[in-house]
Amino acid sequence: MKMIEVALRGILDKMEDGERTTLQDVIDKVAASTKLKISSVGGIVKLYIAGSPDAYIKQGRTGGVIKGVERERIDMRPRCETCNQVWRDKPVDLDAQKLAAAPISEPARPTATEKSHSFSFPTEDDVGNFFDGDIGTNNNE
């Protein structure tokens, strides 16, 4: 454990402030200098860098091991006082403004002849002589 810490300290001391390198390169260098397996060195190197005030690990495309102190992100966007969410201005929609300014008119209602999907109970004329005969008997014989 002490060998890994000394080797890692030597690597970080050689780096300039703000210089970045990949985590895998640091692990390979520490494993080569201590003559230990990469699998046993990897976790200890990550833990040491995560707790170190001299360097930090940043993930992503521009990530890696970076020597120096991580900058604190300052967000100047206005926020809600109760829930701390960012206030977002809604985008201007010109069509919505025109619709809001237009007078509201009721849609035309269809007349009785225009109703195509209306429902009404069948009358006796529609049914005809459907129920003539006895129920349960076959009238086709």
C-alpha atoms as a PDB file:
ATOM      1  CA  MET A   1       0.000   0.000   0.000  1.00  0.00           C
ATOM      2  CA  LYS A   2       2.784   2.398   0.900  1.00  0.00           C
ATOM      3  CA  MET A   3       4.676   1.427  -2.300  1.00  0.00           C
ATOM      4  CA  ILE A   4       1.652   2.332  -4.408  1.00  0.00           C
ATOM      5  CA  GLU A   5       1.220   5.650  -2.617  1.00  0.00           C
ATOM      6  CA  VAL A   6       4.888   6.584  -3.085  1.00  0.00           C
ATOM      7  CA  ALA A   7       4.832   5.642  -6.781  1.00  0.00           C
ATOM      8  CA  LEU A   8       1.615   7.593  -7.373  1.00  0.00           C
ATOM      9  CA  ARG A   9       2.984  10.617  -5.490  1.00  0.00           C
ATOM     10  CA  GLY A  10       6.058  10.569  -7.778  1.00  0.00           C
ATOM     11  CA  ILE A  11       3.863  10.500 -10.897  1.00  0.00           C
ATOM     12  CA  LEU A  12       1.635  13.346  -9.665  1.00  0.00           C
ATOM     13  CA  ASP A  13       4.633  15.460  -8.661  1.00  0.00           C
ATOM     14  CA  LYS A  14       6.018  15.272 -12.214  1.00  0.00           C
ATOM     15  CA  MET A  15       2.741  16.607 -13.660  1.00  0.00           C
ATOM     16  CA  GLU A  16       2.098  20.343 -14.115  1.00  0.00           C
ATOM     17  CA  ASP A  17      -0.995  22.032 -12.643  1.00  0.00           C
ATOM     18  CA  GLY A  18      -3.958  21.507 -14.961  1.00  0.00           C
ATOM     19  CA  GLU A  19      -2.209  18.736 -16.895  1.00  0.00           C
ATOM     20  CA  ARG A  20      -4.366  15.743 -17.629  1.00  0.00           C
ATOM     21  CA  THR A  21      -3.653  12.116 -18.397  1.00  0.00           C
ATOM     22  CA  THR A  22      -5.792   9.013 -18.607  1.00  0.00           C
ATOM     23  CA  LEU A  23      -6.432   6.964 -15.511  1.00  0.00           C
ATOM     24  CA  GLN A  24      -5.218   3.846 -17.285  1.00  0.00           C
ATOM     25  CA  ASP A  25      -1.841   5.468 -17.984  1.00  0.00           C
ATOM     26  CA  VAL A  26      -1.414   6.348 -14.301  1.00  0.00           C
ATOM     27  CA  ILE A  27      -2.367   2.805 -13.248  1.00  0.00           C
ATOM     28  CA  ASP A  28       0.074   1.310 -15.788  1.00  0.00           C
ATOM     29  CA  LYS A  29       2.928   3.522 -14.565  1.00  0.00           C
ATOM     30  CA  VAL A  30       2.252   2.696 -10.909  1.00  0.00           C
ATOM     31  CA  ALA A  31       2.025  -1.039 -11.685  1.00  0.00           C
ATOM     32  CA  ALA A  32       5.307  -0.898 -13.633  1.00  0.00           C
ATOM     33  CA  SER A  33       7.163   0.944 -10.887  1.00  0.00           C
ATOM     34  CA  THR A  34       5.870  -1.296  -8.067  1.00  0.00           C
ATOM     35  CA  LYS A  35       5.984  -4.547 -10.088  1.00  0.00           C
ATOM     36  CA  LEU A  36       2.435  -5.430  -8.971  1.00  0.00           C
ATOM     37  CA  LYS A  37      -0.521  -6.589 -11.044  1.00  0.00           C
ATOM     38  CA  ILE A  38      -2.613  -3.925 -12.743  1.00  0.00           C
ATOM     39  CA  SER A  39      -5.806  -5.448 -11.303  1.00  0.00           C
ATOM     40  CA  SER A  40      -4.558  -5.067  -7.733  1.00  0.00           C
ATOM     41  CA  VAL A  41      -3.210  -1.539  -8.262  1.00  0.00           C
ATOM     42  CA  GLY A  42      -6.224  -0.055 -10.103  1.00  0.00           C
ATOM     43  CA  GLY A  43      -8.662   0.234  -7.219  1.00  0.00           C
ATOM     44  CA  ILE A  44      -6.104   1.626  -4.790  1.00  0.00           C
ATOM     45  CA  VAL A  45      -4.986   4.278  -7.293  1.00  0.00           C
ATOM     46  CA  LYS A  46      -8.590   5.385  -7.855  1.00  0.00           C
ATOM     47  CA  LEU A  47      -9.247   5.620  -4.122  1.00  0.00           C
ATOM     48  CA  TYR A  48      -6.052   7.550  -3.484  1.00  0.00           C
ATOM     49  CA  ILE A  49      -6.722  10.078  -6.272  1.00  0.00           C
ATOM     50  CA  ALA A  50     -10.346  10.508  -5.169  1.00  0.00           C
ATOM     51  CA  GLY A  51      -9.186  11.427  -1.651  1.00  0.00           C
ATOM     52  CA  SER A  52      -6.181  13.447  -2.738  1.00  0.00           C
ATOM     53  CA  PRO A  53      -6.218  17.270  -2.530  1.00  0.00           C
ATOM     54  CA  ASP A  54      -3.632  17.453  -5.346  1.00  0.00           C
ATOM     55  CA  ALA A  55      -5.516  15.747  -8.173  1.00  0.00           C
ATOM     56  CA  TYR A  56      -8.990  14.643  -9.149  1.00  0.00           C
ATOM     57  CA  ILE A  57     -10.686  12.279 -11.581  1.00  0.00           C
ATOM     58  CA  LYS A  58     -13.067  13.699 -14.169  1.00  0.00           C
ATOM     59  CA  GLN A  59     -15.195  11.405 -16.277  1.00  0.00           C
ATOM     60  CA  GLY A  60     -16.282  11.904 -19.852  1.00  0.00           C
ATOM     61  CA  ARG A  61     -14.685  12.923 -23.094  1.00  0.00           C
ATOM     62  CA  THR A  62     -12.404  15.539 -21.547  1.00  0.00           C
ATOM     63  CA  GLY A  63     -11.845  13.459 -18.448  1.00  0.00           C
ATOM     64  CA  GLY A  64      -8.964  11.635 -16.888  1.00  0.00           C
ATOM     65  CA  VAL A  65      -6.664  12.339 -13.974  1.00  0.00           C
ATOM     66  CA  ILE A  66      -6.129  16.073 -13.654  1.00  0.00           C
ATOM     67  CA  LYS A  67      -3.572  17.617 -11.334  1.00  0.00           C
ATOM     68  CA  GLY A  68      -4.832  20.590  -9.352  1.00  0.00           C
ATOM     69  CA  VAL A  69      -7.983  21.580  -7.528  1.00  0.00           C
ATOM     70  CA  GLU A  70     -11.301  21.064  -9.235  1.00  0.00           C
ATOM     71  CA  ARG A  71     -13.008  24.339 -10.061  1.00  0.00           C
ATOM     72  CA  GLU A  72     -16.267  24.999  -8.290  1.00  0.00           C
ATOM     73  CA  ARG A  73     -19.077  25.483 -10.738  1.00  0.00           C
ATOM     74  CA  ILE A  74     -20.868  28.787 -10.260  1.00  0.00           C
ATOM     75  CA  ASP A  75     -24.330  28.980 -11.753  1.00  0.00           C
ATOM     76  CA  MET A  76     -25.646  32.535 -12.059  1.00  0.00           C
ATOM     77  CA  ARG A  77     -29.039  31.573 -13.510  1.00  0.00           C
ATOM     78  CA  PRO A  78     -32.040  32.762 -11.483  1.00  0.00           C
ATOM     79  CA  ARG A  79     -33.563  30.083  -9.268  1.00  0.00           C
ATOM     80  CA  CYS A  80     -36.791  29.545  -7.389  1.00  0.00           C
ATOM     81  CA  GLU A  81     -36.433  30.402  -3.709  1.00  0.00           C
ATOM     82  CA  THR A  82     -38.513  27.449  -2.483  1.00  0.00           C
ATOM     83  CA  CYS A  83     -37.468  24.530  -4.695  1.00  0.00           C
ATOM     84  CA  ASN A  84     -34.141  25.835  -6.139  1.00  0.00           C
ATOM     85  CA  GLN A  85     -35.107  24.963  -9.717  1.00  0.00           C
ATOM     86  CA  VAL A  86     -33.823  27.142 -12.543  1.00  0.00           C
ATOM     87  CA  TRP A  87     -36.332  29.668 -13.886  1.00  0.00           C
ATOM     88  CA  ARG A  88     -36.742  28.995 -17.581  1.00  0.00           C
ATOM     89  CA  ASP A  89     -38.271  31.584 -19.871  1.00  0.00           C
ATOM     90  CA  LYS A  90     -40.733  30.028 -22.250  1.00  0.00           C
ATOM     91  CA  PRO A  91     -39.823  30.497 -25.920  1.00  0.00           C
ATOM     92  CA  VAL A  92     -41.859  33.093 -27.796  1.00  0.00           C
ATOM     93  CA  ASP A  93     -44.389  31.439 -30.068  1.00  0.00           C
ATOM     94  CA  LEU A  94     -45.849  33.958 -32.516  1.00  0.00           C
ATOM     95  CA  ASP A  95     -48.676  31.654 -33.593  1.00  0.00           C
ATOM     96  CA  ALA A  96     -49.800  31.271 -29.987  1.00  0.00           C
ATOM     97  CA  GLN A  97     -49.790  35.046 -29.568  1.00  0.00           C
ATOM     98  CA  LYS A  98     -51.948  35.461 -32.678  1.00  0.00           C
ATOM     99  CA  LEU A  99     -54.386  32.816 -31.409  1.00  0.00           C
ATOM    100  CA  ALA A 100     -54.544  34.478 -28.011  1.00  0.00           C
ATOM    101  CA  ALA A 101     -55.349  37.831 -29.605  1.00  0.00           C
ATOM    102  CA  ALA A 102     -58.054  36.397 -31.906  1.00  0.00           C
ATOM    103  CA  PRO A 103     -61.656  36.523 -30.678  1.00  0.00           C
ATOM    104  CA  ILE A 104     -63.055  33.251 -29.396  1.00  0.00           C
ATOM    105  CA  SER A 105     -65.893  31.861 -31.502  1.00  0.00           C
ATOM    106  CA  GLU A 106     -67.970  28.754 -30.939  1.00  0.00           C
ATOM    107  CA  PRO A 107     -67.506  25.939 -33.473  1.00  0.00           C
ATOM    108  CA  ALA A 108     -70.449  25.314 -35.766  1.00  0.00           C
ATOM    109  CA  ARG A 109     -72.677  22.504 -34.548  1.00  0.00           C
ATOM    110  CA  PRO A 110     -73.805  19.890 -37.087  1.00  0.00           C
ATOM    111  CA  THR A 111     -77.468  19.764 -38.010  1.00  0.00           C
ATOM    112  CA  ALA A 112     -79.587  16.622 -37.790  1.00  0.00           C
ATOM    113  CA  THR A 113     -78.896  15.726 -41.436  1.00  0.00           C
ATOM    114  CA  GLU A 114     -75.123  16.201 -41.025  1.00  0.00           C
ATOM    115  CA  LYS A 115     -74.846  13.841 -38.086  1.00  0.00           C
ATOM    116  CA  SER A 116     -73.141  10.767 -39.435  1.00  0.00           C
ATOM    117  CA  HIS A 117     -72.165   9.114 -36.170  1.00  0.00           C
ATOM    118  CA  SER A 118     -75.267   9.630 -34.116  1.00  0.00           C
ATOM    119  CA  PHE A 119     -77.093   6.790 -32.442  1.00  0.00           C
ATOM    120  CA  SER A 120     -80.822   6.251 -32.269  1.00  0.00           C
ATOM    121  CA  PHE A 121     -82.886   3.243 -31.272  1.00  0.00           C
ATOM    122  CA  PRO A 122     -84.456   1.363 -34.188  1.00  0.00           C
ATOM    123  CA  THR A 123     -88.125   1.936 -34.795  1.00  0.00           C
ATOM    124  CA  GLU A 124     -90.730  -0.674 -35.760  1.00  0.00           C
ATOM    125  CA  ASP A 125     -90.328   0.254 -39.427  1.00  0.00           C
ATOM    126  CA  ASP A 126     -86.574  -0.418 -39.256  1.00  0.00           C
ATOM    127  CA  VAL A 127     -87.048  -3.783 -37.530  1.00  0.00           C
ATOM    128  CA  GLY A 128     -89.938  -4.937 -39.690  1.00  0.00           C
ATOM    129  CA  ASN A 129     -91.211  -8.420 -39.021  1.00  0.00           C
ATOM    130  CA  PHE A 130     -88.030  -9.652 -37.448  1.00  0.00           C
ATOM    131  CA  PHE A 131     -89.687 -11.071 -34.356  1.00  0.00           C
ATOM    132  CA  ASP A 132     -92.514 -12.891 -36.108  1.00  0.00           C
ATOM    133  CA  GLY A 133     -92.725 -16.479 -35.100  1.00  0.00           C
ATOM    134  CA  ASP A 134     -91.786 -18.363 -32.021  1.00  0.00           C
ATOM    135  CA  ILE A 135     -88.527 -17.778 -30.269  1.00  0.00           C
ATOM    136  CA  GLY A 136     -86.242 -20.770 -30.475  1.00  0.00           C
ATOM    137  CA  THR A 137     -87.824 -22.360 -33.518  1.00  0.00           C
ATOM    138  CA  ASN A 138     -86.280 -22.483 -36.955  1.00  0.00           C
ATOM    139  CA  ASN A 139     -88.559 -20.685 -39.474  1.00  0.00           C
ATOM    140  CA  ASN A 140     -86.494 -21.678 -42.516  1.00  0.00           C
ATOM    141  CA  GLU A 141     -87.931 -25.225 -42.696  1.00  0.00           C
END
